[in-house]
Amino acid sequence: MSTAENRAVPEHVAIIMDGNGRWANARGLPRTFGHRKGVEAVRETVRAAAEAGIGYLTLFAFSSENWRRPEAEINDLFGLLKSFIRRDLAELHRENVRIRIIGDRASLRDDIRSLLEEAEETTRNNTSLTVVIAFNYGARDEIARAAASLAADVAAGRLQPSDIDAQRLNDRLDTAGMPDPDLIIRTSGEERLSNFLLWQAAYSELMFVPDLWPDFSRDVFFAALERFRARDRRFGGLSSAKAAANGA
């Protein structure tokens, strides 16, 4: 791959994995079958991201709003998470993949929290692709927790109100130390962020694909990367063509 092509590979891709339930309903199957098929799509996407040379892949696995779903479905989702980590952790570790978890862990069951922490600790020193699992995650909650952390430091005299700026808030987010997503993909044809990485998405390219998540494949993923390469990311400045014309 040429240097120019390397620059066009996004460093961080985030995915809203939507459509498991609709995939199952369309086939007359329980929603749990859609979630199980979705785990297969996760495996294929992780492999494709590593193949593409992406540094960070963030997957929206369970939102803070998903607690409103039926208890049986929530338990099935938790069971799938446990199965995925137990089955795939050793292989991911061998492939030098690092696991990182974002989201509020305080309200999680002890067995789920310890499993997530085990996955992080086991892979902490790996240096290839970082797979970020957004679990019990909501962007507004994340920002509120970061603001509360800063407020506590002000109350304790460790910071002055004038010390607080965008960078300090960014450093208190769950994603501290990670690059913002270059590309956010949502499957199933829905066109909204649904409380996902709202702060970090300020300059992300957004891409909405019609495929339901269980049908998401390597080919769909690489097609999205090709579309990303064609976009002119200006970050508030001029397009590359206009900048060249102006001698920038």
Protein backbone atom coordinates (compact mmCIF):
# COMPACT_ATOMS: atom_id res chain seq x y z
CA MET A 1 0.00 0.00 0.00
CA SER A 2 1.36 3.42 -0.94
CA THR A 3 1.98 6.24 1.52
CA ALA A 4 -0.99 8.16 0.13
CA GLU A 5 -3.24 5.15 0.62
CA ASN A 6 -1.94 4.67 4.15
CA ARG A 7 -2.92 8.22 5.01
CA ALA A 8 -6.43 7.52 3.73
CA VAL A 9 -6.95 4.63 6.16
CA PRO A 10 -8.91 5.93 9.16
CA GLU A 11 -7.07 5.56 12.42
CA HIS A 12 -10.29 5.08 14.36
CA VAL A 13 -13.56 3.60 13.11
CA ALA A 14 -16.62 3.43 15.36
CA ILE A 15 -19.71 1.39 14.56
CA ILE A 16 -23.29 1.56 15.84
CA MET A 17 -24.28 -2.08 15.40
CA ASP A 18 -27.99 -1.76 14.66
CA GLY A 19 -30.56 -4.16 13.25
CA ASN A 20 -30.19 -7.48 15.09
CA GLY A 21 -33.84 -7.55 16.09
CA ARG A 22 -35.13 -6.60 12.65
CA TRP A 23 -32.90 -9.24 11.06
CA ALA A 24 -34.46 -11.89 13.29
CA ASN A 25 -38.03 -10.61 12.88
CA ALA A 26 -37.71 -10.68 9.09
CA ARG A 27 -36.95 -14.40 9.37
CA GLY A 28 -39.62 -15.20 11.91
CA LEU A 29 -37.00 -15.85 14.59
CA PRO A 30 -36.70 -14.62 18.19
CA ARG A 31 -34.63 -11.45 18.62
CA THR A 32 -31.97 -13.48 20.45
CA PHE A 33 -31.11 -15.22 17.16
CA GLY A 34 -30.32 -11.81 15.67
CA HIS A 35 -27.98 -10.98 18.54
CA ARG A 36 -26.17 -14.30 18.14
CA LYS A 37 -25.77 -13.76 14.42
CA GLY A 38 -24.53 -10.26 15.23
CA VAL A 39 -21.65 -11.73 17.26
CA GLU A 40 -20.44 -13.45 14.08
CA ALA A 41 -20.46 -10.05 12.35
CA VAL A 42 -18.36 -8.68 15.22
CA ARG A 43 -15.74 -11.36 14.68
CA GLU A 44 -15.59 -10.72 10.94
CA THR A 45 -15.38 -6.95 11.44
CA VAL A 46 -12.54 -7.22 13.96
CA ARG A 47 -10.58 -9.33 11.49
CA ALA A 48 -11.30 -6.88 8.66
CA ALA A 49 -10.23 -3.89 10.76
CA ALA A 50 -6.94 -5.57 11.62
CA GLU A 51 -6.40 -6.43 7.96
CA ALA A 52 -7.06 -2.82 6.93
CA GLY A 53 -4.48 -1.48 9.39
CA ILE A 54 -6.95 0.47 11.53
CA GLY A 55 -5.68 1.43 14.97
CA TYR A 56 -8.96 1.62 16.91
CA LEU A 57 -12.31 -0.07 16.34
CA THR A 58 -15.09 1.00 18.69
CA LEU A 59 -18.26 -1.10 18.83
CA PHE A 60 -21.46 0.13 20.47
CA ALA A 61 -22.43 -3.10 22.21
CA PHE A 62 -24.90 -2.03 24.93
CA SER A 63 -26.19 1.47 25.54
CA SER A 64 -27.29 2.94 28.85
CA GLU A 65 -30.78 3.13 27.30
CA ASN A 66 -30.84 -0.62 26.53
CA TRP A 67 -31.88 -1.32 30.14
CA ARG A 68 -35.41 -0.52 28.95
CA ARG A 69 -35.49 -3.75 26.94
CA PRO A 70 -37.11 -6.94 28.28
CA GLU A 71 -35.10 -8.60 31.03
CA ALA A 72 -34.80 -11.83 29.06
CA GLU A 73 -33.23 -10.00 26.13
CA ILE A 74 -30.80 -8.14 28.41
CA ASN A 75 -29.76 -11.42 30.03
CA ASP A 76 -29.20 -12.92 26.60
CA LEU A 77 -27.03 -9.97 25.58
CA PHE A 78 -24.98 -10.35 28.74
CA GLY A 79 -24.63 -14.05 28.07
CA LEU A 80 -23.41 -13.37 24.55
CA LEU A 81 -20.84 -10.89 25.85
CA LYS A 82 -19.54 -13.47 28.33
CA SER A 83 -19.45 -16.14 25.64
CA PHE A 84 -17.63 -13.85 23.20
CA ILE A 85 -14.93 -12.92 25.71
CA ARG A 86 -14.42 -16.46 26.97
CA ARG A 87 -14.29 -17.90 23.46
CA ASP A 88 -12.37 -15.16 21.67
CA LEU A 89 -10.14 -13.53 24.27
CA ALA A 90 -7.27 -16.01 23.87
CA GLU A 91 -7.29 -15.64 20.09
CA LEU A 92 -7.46 -11.85 20.26
CA HIS A 93 -4.56 -11.89 22.71
CA ARG A 94 -2.50 -14.07 20.35
CA GLU A 95 -3.24 -11.63 17.53
CA ASN A 96 -1.85 -8.78 19.68
CA VAL A 97 -5.30 -7.13 19.91
CA ARG A 98 -5.96 -4.89 22.88
CA ILE A 99 -9.42 -4.73 24.49
CA ARG A 100 -10.62 -1.50 26.07
CA ILE A 101 -14.01 -0.91 27.69
CA ILE A 102 -15.86 2.41 27.85
CA GLY A 103 -19.09 3.13 29.69
CA ASP A 104 -20.37 3.26 33.26
CA ARG A 105 -19.31 0.12 35.12
CA ALA A 106 -20.76 1.04 38.52
CA SER A 107 -24.21 -0.44 37.85
CA LEU A 108 -23.00 -3.63 36.16
CA ARG A 109 -23.24 -7.03 37.79
CA ASP A 110 -20.03 -8.13 39.47
CA ASP A 111 -19.52 -11.07 37.10
CA ILE A 112 -19.84 -8.84 34.02
CA ARG A 113 -17.58 -6.15 35.46
CA SER A 114 -14.87 -8.63 36.44
CA LEU A 115 -15.01 -10.26 33.01
CA LEU A 116 -14.57 -6.92 31.26
CA GLU A 117 -11.69 -6.03 33.57
CA GLU A 118 -10.06 -9.41 32.88
CA ALA A 119 -10.24 -8.79 29.13
CA GLU A 120 -8.62 -5.38 29.55
CA GLU A 121 -5.90 -6.59 31.88
CA THR A 122 -5.02 -9.65 29.78
CA THR A 123 -4.52 -7.56 26.64
CA ARG A 124 -3.24 -4.35 28.23
CA ASN A 125 0.21 -4.49 26.66
CA ASN A 126 -0.87 -5.51 23.17
CA THR A 127 0.06 -3.09 20.42
CA SER A 128 -1.94 -4.00 17.33
CA LEU A 129 -5.61 -3.12 16.82
CA THR A 130 -7.42 -1.76 19.88
CA VAL A 131 -11.01 -3.00 20.07
CA VAL A 132 -13.06 -0.64 22.20
CA ILE A 133 -16.32 -2.07 23.53
CA ALA A 134 -18.88 0.56 24.51
CA PHE A 135 -20.87 -1.27 27.17
CA ASN A 136 -23.49 0.38 29.37
CA TYR A 137 -22.41 3.48 27.51
CA GLY A 138 -24.20 6.75 26.85
CA ALA A 139 -22.43 9.88 25.64
CA ARG A 140 -24.43 12.30 27.79
CA ASP A 141 -23.69 10.20 30.87
CA GLU A 142 -20.00 10.08 29.90
CA ILE A 143 -19.84 13.88 29.59
CA ALA A 144 -21.74 14.35 32.87
CA ARG A 145 -19.35 12.02 34.70
CA ALA A 146 -16.37 13.92 33.27
CA ALA A 147 -17.87 17.25 34.34
CA ALA A 148 -18.58 15.88 37.83
CA SER A 149 -14.96 14.73 38.11
CA LEU A 150 -13.71 18.21 37.23
CA ALA A 151 -16.20 19.79 39.64
CA ALA A 152 -14.92 17.57 42.45
CA ASP A 153 -11.37 18.75 41.75
CA VAL A 154 -12.51 22.37 41.87
CA ALA A 155 -14.33 21.78 45.17
CA ALA A 156 -11.20 20.16 46.62
CA GLY A 157 -9.00 23.04 45.46
CA ARG A 158 -7.03 20.92 43.00
CA LEU A 159 -8.27 23.01 40.09
CA GLN A 160 -9.56 26.52 39.53
CA PRO A 161 -12.67 27.04 37.39
CA SER A 162 -10.48 28.96 34.94
CA ASP A 163 -8.33 25.83 34.50
CA ILE A 164 -11.17 23.95 32.86
CA ASP A 165 -11.12 23.90 29.09
CA ALA A 166 -12.04 21.50 26.30
CA GLN A 167 -8.80 19.53 26.66
CA ARG A 168 -9.25 18.97 30.39
CA LEU A 169 -12.79 17.74 29.83
CA ASN A 170 -11.59 15.51 27.00
CA ASP A 171 -9.00 14.00 29.34
CA ARG A 172 -11.73 12.94 31.78
CA LEU A 173 -13.83 11.13 29.18
CA ASP A 174 -13.86 7.34 28.95
CA THR A 175 -11.94 7.67 25.67
CA ALA A 176 -9.06 9.66 27.17
CA GLY A 177 -5.84 8.99 25.29
CA MET A 178 -7.63 7.72 22.18
CA PRO A 179 -7.97 9.58 18.88
CA ASP A 180 -11.44 10.77 17.98
CA PRO A 181 -13.20 8.54 15.45
CA ASP A 182 -12.43 9.46 11.86
CA LEU A 183 -15.42 7.47 10.66
CA ILE A 184 -18.66 6.47 12.38
CA ILE A 185 -20.74 3.81 10.64
CA ARG A 186 -24.33 2.99 11.54
CA THR A 187 -25.98 -0.08 10.09
CA SER A 188 -29.68 -0.77 9.33
CA GLY A 189 -30.38 2.47 7.48
CA GLU A 190 -31.14 4.57 10.58
CA GLU A 191 -29.49 7.99 10.43
CA ARG A 192 -28.79 9.17 13.95
CA LEU A 193 -26.03 8.85 16.56
CA SER A 194 -28.28 7.64 19.38
CA ASN A 195 -26.18 9.12 22.19
CA PHE A 196 -22.93 7.60 20.89
CA LEU A 197 -19.59 9.46 21.15
CA LEU A 198 -21.28 12.87 20.90
CA TRP A 199 -18.21 14.82 22.06
CA GLN A 200 -15.76 12.76 20.04
CA ALA A 201 -17.85 12.90 16.84
CA ALA A 202 -17.34 16.65 16.32
CA TYR A 203 -15.40 16.11 13.07
CA SER A 204 -16.15 12.46 12.34
CA GLU A 205 -17.31 11.39 8.92
CA LEU A 206 -20.74 9.79 9.29
CA MET A 207 -21.80 6.88 7.12
CA PHE A 208 -25.18 5.16 7.21
CA VAL A 209 -25.43 1.81 5.47
CA PRO A 210 -28.66 -0.12 4.79
CA ASP A 211 -27.29 -3.51 5.86
CA LEU A 212 -28.64 -4.90 9.12
CA TRP A 213 -25.80 -5.65 11.53
CA PRO A 214 -25.91 -9.48 11.17
CA ASP A 215 -25.41 -8.98 7.41
CA PHE A 216 -22.43 -6.66 7.90
CA SER A 217 -19.42 -8.26 6.25
CA ARG A 218 -15.82 -7.68 5.28
CA ASP A 219 -16.98 -6.49 1.84
CA VAL A 220 -19.41 -3.96 3.33
CA PHE A 221 -16.71 -2.73 5.72
CA PHE A 222 -14.12 -2.29 2.98
CA ALA A 223 -16.68 -0.54 0.77
CA ALA A 224 -17.24 1.94 3.61
CA LEU A 225 -13.49 2.54 3.84
CA GLU A 226 -13.39 3.24 0.10
CA ARG A 227 -16.16 5.80 0.47
CA PHE A 228 -14.27 7.36 3.37
CA ARG A 229 -11.16 7.76 1.22
CA ALA A 230 -13.18 9.77 -1.31
CA ARG A 231 -14.26 12.34 1.26
CA ASP A 232 -12.49 15.68 1.65
CA ARG A 233 -12.05 16.30 5.38
CA ARG A 234 -11.68 20.04 5.97
CA PHE A 235 -11.95 20.38 9.79
CA GLY A 236 -13.36 23.87 9.34
CA GLY A 237 -10.78 24.92 6.75
CA LEU A 238 -10.72 24.91 2.96
CA SER A 239 -11.04 21.81 0.84
CA SER A 240 -7.73 20.41 -0.38
CA ALA A 241 -8.47 21.61 -3.90
CA LYS A 242 -9.25 25.16 -2.78
CA ALA A 243 -6.24 25.22 -0.48
CA ALA A 244 -3.99 24.21 -3.39
CA ALA A 245 -5.53 26.90 -5.57
CA ASN A 246 -4.87 29.48 -2.87
CA GLY A 247 -1.27 28.32 -2.48
CA ALA A 248 -1.84 26.92 1.01
